[in-house]
Protein backbone atom coordinates (compact mmCIF):
# COMPACT_ATOMS: atom_id res chain seq x y z
CA MET A 1 128.35 39.92 88.76
CA SER A 2 131.37 40.91 90.54
CA HIS A 3 131.43 44.25 92.62
CA GLN A 4 133.81 46.59 91.21
CA ALA A 5 136.88 47.54 94.01
CA GLN A 6 135.89 50.70 95.57
CA PRO A 7 138.10 52.99 96.51
CA HIS A 8 139.45 52.99 100.61
CA GLU A 9 137.54 55.88 102.72
CA ALA A 10 138.96 57.66 105.73
CA SER A 11 136.60 56.90 108.10
CA GLU A 12 135.12 59.91 109.61
CA PRO A 13 134.98 59.76 113.15
CA GLU A 14 131.22 60.36 114.38
CA THR A 15 131.76 62.75 117.40
CA PRO A 16 133.95 65.86 117.03
CA HIS A 17 136.54 66.26 119.52
CA LEU A 18 134.38 66.76 122.85
CA ASP A 19 137.63 66.44 125.19
CA PHE A 20 139.79 69.42 126.18
CA ALA A 21 141.83 70.34 129.27
CA GLY A 22 140.83 73.63 129.92
CA THR A 23 137.55 75.84 128.53
CA THR A 24 137.19 74.95 124.50
CA PRO A 25 138.96 76.73 122.26
CA TYR A 26 135.27 77.98 120.96
CA GLU A 27 134.65 80.23 124.43
CA ASP A 28 139.12 80.80 124.61
CA TYR A 29 138.03 82.79 121.27
CA VAL A 30 134.48 84.04 121.65
CA LYS A 31 134.34 84.30 125.56
CA ALA A 32 131.09 83.86 124.67
CA ASP A 33 130.63 82.84 128.45
CA VAL A 34 131.72 86.09 129.42
CA LEU A 35 129.24 87.83 126.89
CA THR A 36 125.79 86.03 127.95
CA HIS A 37 126.50 86.49 131.23
CA LEU A 38 126.54 90.34 130.62
CA GLN A 39 122.96 91.13 131.24
CA HIS A 40 121.91 92.18 134.95
CA THR A 41 118.81 93.43 134.59
CA LEU A 42 117.15 96.08 137.06
CA SER A 43 112.96 94.84 137.08
CA ASP A 44 111.03 92.28 136.75
CA ASP A 45 109.50 92.52 133.37
CA PRO A 46 110.57 90.17 130.89
CA GLY A 47 111.07 92.94 127.83
CA GLU A 48 114.17 94.05 129.34
CA MET A 49 115.89 91.09 128.95
CA VAL A 50 115.22 92.23 125.26
CA PHE A 51 116.18 96.03 125.49
CA LEU A 52 119.08 95.40 127.85
CA VAL A 53 120.69 92.22 125.10
CA THR A 54 119.46 94.54 122.26
CA THR A 55 121.25 97.34 123.61
CA GLN A 56 124.79 95.45 124.31
CA VAL A 57 124.87 93.93 120.29
CA MET A 58 124.53 97.02 118.67
CA GLU A 59 127.41 98.85 120.88
CA LEU A 60 129.34 95.64 119.29
CA TRP A 61 128.01 96.68 115.80
CA PHE A 62 129.05 100.14 117.01
CA THR A 63 132.78 98.54 117.75
CA VAL A 64 133.20 96.57 114.07
CA ILE A 65 132.21 99.95 112.33
CA VAL A 66 134.57 102.30 114.24
CA HIS A 67 137.26 99.70 113.32
CA GLU A 68 135.88 99.46 109.79
CA TRP A 69 135.97 102.95 109.64
CA GLU A 70 139.42 103.29 110.84
CA THR A 71 140.83 100.91 108.83
CA ALA A 72 139.80 103.22 105.68
CA ALA A 73 141.09 106.52 107.52
CA HIS A 74 144.29 105.01 107.34
CA ALA A 75 144.11 103.70 104.35
CA LEU A 76 142.97 106.91 102.24
CA ARG A 77 146.23 108.89 104.82
CA SER A 78 148.30 105.81 102.25
CA ASP A 79 146.94 106.87 99.06
CA ASP A 80 145.21 103.32 99.68
CA VAL A 81 141.59 103.91 97.74
CA PRO A 82 140.69 100.54 97.04
CA THR A 83 141.39 98.78 100.78
CA ALA A 84 139.56 102.03 102.43
CA VAL A 85 136.99 101.18 99.83
CA ALA A 86 136.73 97.64 101.36
CA ALA A 87 136.37 98.86 104.73
CA LEU A 88 133.57 101.00 103.98
CA LYS A 89 131.94 98.25 102.00
CA ARG A 90 132.07 96.05 104.89
CA SER A 91 130.54 98.49 106.69
CA VAL A 92 127.70 98.78 104.69
CA ARG A 93 127.12 95.33 106.17
CA GLU A 94 127.79 96.00 108.91
CA LEU A 95 125.54 98.65 109.19
CA GLU A 96 122.40 97.27 107.65
CA ALA A 97 122.96 94.51 110.51
CA LEU A 98 122.80 97.31 113.36
CA ASN A 99 120.11 99.08 112.06
CA ALA A 100 118.27 95.54 112.39
CA SER A 101 119.18 95.69 116.03
CA TRP A 102 116.01 98.17 116.18
CA LYS A 103 113.30 95.41 114.91
CA PRO A 104 112.84 94.17 118.61
CA LEU A 105 112.55 97.22 119.68
CA GLY A 106 110.60 98.89 116.90
CA GLN A 107 107.52 98.01 118.45
CA LEU A 108 107.33 98.48 122.14
CA THR A 109 104.23 99.95 123.06
CA PRO A 110 104.66 103.26 125.89
CA ALA A 111 103.44 100.38 127.95
CA GLN A 112 105.62 97.84 127.57
CA PHE A 113 108.65 100.26 127.64
CA ASN A 114 107.32 101.62 131.11
CA ALA A 115 107.13 98.76 132.71
CA TYR A 116 111.19 98.70 132.82
CA ARG A 117 112.20 102.39 131.73
CA SER A 118 112.74 103.28 135.53
CA ALA A 119 116.05 100.42 135.35
CA LEU A 120 117.48 102.87 132.83
CA GLY A 121 117.52 105.88 135.63
CA GLU A 122 118.87 108.65 133.59
CA GLY A 123 121.15 106.07 130.99
CA SER A 124 120.69 107.32 127.43
CA GLY A 125 122.20 105.79 124.10
CA PHE A 126 123.51 108.95 123.61
CA GLN A 127 126.12 108.47 126.44
CA SER A 128 127.69 105.83 124.46
CA ALA A 129 131.39 106.31 124.24
CA MET A 130 131.60 103.79 121.14
CA TYR A 131 128.92 105.83 119.64
CA ARG A 132 130.37 108.79 120.17
CA ARG A 133 133.36 106.91 118.40
CA MET A 134 131.38 107.09 114.77
CA GLU A 135 129.74 110.31 114.85
CA PHE A 136 133.30 112.24 115.38
CA LEU A 137 134.59 109.59 112.41
CA LEU A 138 131.66 111.25 110.56
CA GLY A 139 132.80 114.30 111.26
CA GLU A 140 130.01 115.14 114.25
CA LYS A 141 132.59 116.45 116.49
CA SER A 142 131.89 117.86 120.44
CA ALA A 143 134.18 118.45 122.77
CA SER A 144 131.14 118.51 125.29
CA MET A 145 129.82 114.85 123.98
CA LEU A 146 133.65 113.97 126.47
CA VAL A 147 132.15 115.63 129.84
CA PRO A 148 129.45 112.31 130.75
CA HIS A 149 132.65 109.82 130.73
CA ARG A 150 135.12 111.94 132.92
CA GLY A 151 134.84 109.41 135.05
CA ALA A 152 136.07 106.62 132.78
CA PRO A 153 139.70 107.82 131.93
CA ARG A 154 140.66 104.87 129.52
CA VAL A 155 137.26 105.90 127.94
CA HIS A 156 137.63 109.86 128.23
CA ALA A 157 141.49 109.06 126.40
CA GLU A 158 140.46 107.54 123.86
CA LEU A 159 137.45 109.82 123.03
CA GLU A 160 139.51 112.82 123.39
CA LYS A 161 142.39 111.03 120.86
CA ALA A 162 139.33 110.51 118.42
CA LEU A 163 138.09 113.88 118.71
CA ALA A 164 141.34 115.46 117.76
CA GLU A 165 142.86 113.27 114.97
CA PRO A 166 141.06 113.58 111.76
CA SER A 167 137.23 112.47 110.57
CA LEU A 168 137.24 109.84 107.92
CA TYR A 169 136.36 112.82 106.04
CA ASP A 170 138.79 115.09 106.36
CA GLU A 171 140.91 112.44 105.29
CA VAL A 172 138.79 112.07 102.34
CA LEU A 173 139.05 115.57 101.37
CA ARG A 174 142.74 115.62 101.87
CA LEU A 175 142.82 112.42 99.49
CA MET A 176 141.07 114.61 96.87
CA ALA A 177 143.05 117.82 97.17
CA ARG A 178 146.41 115.79 96.35
CA ARG A 179 144.21 113.96 93.20
CA GLY A 180 144.27 117.51 92.44
CA CYS A 181 140.23 118.52 93.11
CA ALA A 182 140.44 122.06 94.02
CA ILE A 183 139.87 122.08 98.06
CA PRO A 184 140.17 125.28 99.63
CA GLY A 185 143.11 124.88 101.86
CA SER A 186 140.71 126.39 104.99
CA VAL A 187 138.85 123.17 104.43
CA LEU A 188 142.11 121.80 104.56
CA ARG A 189 143.55 123.48 107.76
CA ARG A 190 140.15 123.36 109.76
CA ASP A 191 139.86 122.70 113.43
CA VAL A 192 139.75 118.64 113.06
CA SER A 193 137.97 118.50 116.13
CA SER A 194 135.23 121.00 115.07
CA ARG A 195 132.56 120.06 113.43
CA TYR A 196 132.23 119.66 109.52
CA GLU A 197 130.68 122.41 108.02
CA PRO A 198 129.00 122.08 104.30
CA SER A 199 131.80 124.33 101.66
CA ASP A 200 130.98 125.35 98.71
CA ALA A 201 133.91 124.68 97.15
CA VAL A 202 134.13 120.88 98.11
CA GLU A 203 130.50 120.73 96.19
CA ALA A 204 131.76 122.02 93.06
CA ALA A 205 134.62 119.00 93.30
CA TRP A 206 132.42 116.28 93.82
CA THR A 207 130.14 118.17 91.11
CA ALA A 208 133.08 117.83 88.70
CA VAL A 209 133.88 113.75 90.44
CA TYR A 210 130.16 113.10 89.64
CA ALA A 211 130.20 114.12 85.81
CA GLY A 212 133.29 112.78 85.24
CA ASP A 213 134.33 108.90 84.30
CA GLU A 214 132.05 106.90 87.02
CA THR A 215 134.88 104.61 87.54
CA THR A 216 137.85 106.49 88.72
CA GLU A 217 139.39 105.46 91.93
CA LEU A 218 137.27 109.26 93.49
CA ALA A 219 133.86 107.88 91.86
CA ARG A 220 133.96 104.64 93.06
CA LEU A 221 135.61 106.08 97.48
CA GLY A 222 131.97 108.70 96.33
CA GLU A 223 129.45 105.90 96.23
CA ALA A 224 130.69 103.80 99.10
CA LEU A 225 130.50 107.25 101.53
CA THR A 226 127.57 107.67 99.83
CA ASP A 227 126.06 103.95 100.30
CA VAL A 228 127.66 104.52 104.33
CA ALA A 229 125.77 108.26 104.19
CA GLU A 230 122.66 106.24 103.60
CA LEU A 231 122.77 103.54 106.83
CA VAL A 232 123.57 106.71 108.73
CA TRP A 233 120.58 108.11 108.17
CA ARG A 234 118.37 105.50 107.92
CA TRP A 235 119.73 104.34 111.35
CA ARG A 236 118.39 107.93 112.49
CA ASN A 237 115.48 108.32 110.95
CA ASP A 238 114.46 104.08 112.45
CA HIS A 239 115.81 105.52 116.23
CA LEU A 240 113.51 108.43 116.12
CA VAL A 241 110.70 106.65 115.09
CA ALA A 242 111.14 103.80 117.54
CA THR A 243 111.53 106.75 120.21
CA ARG A 244 108.10 108.21 118.71
CA ARG A 245 106.43 104.50 119.68
CA ALA A 246 107.22 103.92 122.75
CA MET A 247 107.04 107.21 125.28
CA GLY A 248 105.56 109.82 122.27
CA ALA A 249 106.59 113.60 122.93
CA LYS A 250 107.95 112.62 126.41
CA PRO A 251 111.91 113.95 127.42
CA GLY A 252 114.69 111.21 126.99
CA THR A 253 116.06 109.29 129.67
CA GLY A 254 119.18 111.30 130.01
CA GLY A 255 117.75 114.55 130.04
CA SER A 256 117.50 114.85 126.51
CA ALA A 257 114.23 116.83 124.71
CA GLY A 258 113.77 112.69 123.55
CA VAL A 259 112.11 113.23 119.79
CA ALA A 260 112.25 116.34 119.45
CA TRP A 261 116.29 116.04 119.88
CA LEU A 262 115.94 112.84 117.45
CA GLU A 263 113.83 114.52 114.70
CA LYS A 264 116.82 117.45 115.04
CA ARG A 265 119.81 114.47 114.00
CA ALA A 266 117.41 112.95 111.65
CA GLN A 267 117.43 115.82 109.55
CA LYS A 268 121.10 116.50 109.05
CA ASN A 269 123.11 114.01 106.56
CA VAL A 270 126.90 113.23 106.93
CA PHE A 271 128.92 113.84 104.17
CA PRO A 272 126.52 116.28 102.85
CA GLU A 273 128.42 117.53 99.73
CA LEU A 274 127.89 114.06 98.37
CA TRP A 275 124.57 114.61 98.80
CA THR A 276 124.08 118.47 97.47
CA ALA A 277 126.69 117.40 94.04
CA ARG A 278 123.97 115.35 92.27
CA SER A 279 121.83 118.06 92.04
CA HIS A 280 124.47 120.46 89.69
CA VAL A 281 125.66 116.61 87.43
């Protein structure tokens, strides 16, 4: 029985390209060598490395999420709702990954945390500039939160700019007004550098959106924002539980009230009228 001729197949190289004139293209793009040499522990406890790397990973997720929300805000200014919704949906996956960062820290005992807590000194997560930019985009504005960053001019300037710009939710409400929703002028002209306060009229506008056609752009935008708000709430609660487990009711490392301060934060919803409107549909 004769063998049928097989089509010519290009031979596969046994190994990938290994010889580069300088660093690898992967290193040039990812900067892995930089990232993996940023860990400088200050204690002899092996658990500190986990805490430090996890915190650095959180900062990277903050950076991505800020990028997504700024993309969404810019799209909303241009009435491009599909681009805004796509960015918000990506941020939902990123928030899920961010929230999962609590897993390595979520079961710390007081003794384990105390083994390296002194290395933190007065360092605290509320001093994170990128997290502060996240909060500003959510409408949680406070000029006093710029004070810790006065010694870092570039960071301070970025936060000052973020404070003065409309939040993501401000852009949403302006879009709703352009689409014919009854958003009061007092809301549209509010001082965007101050914390957003709930409005009965905005609640009524969202009620009308949710009582209507669920396939409209505004309804889909509302649900994307609700997904974001839910995961922000989960982040705050996971932070609260991890802190309570590791240090109980002791004061926080940065001079805050610790658990008491986190409990107050966990009780607040972002995009508040998206939640209260549901009671009226």
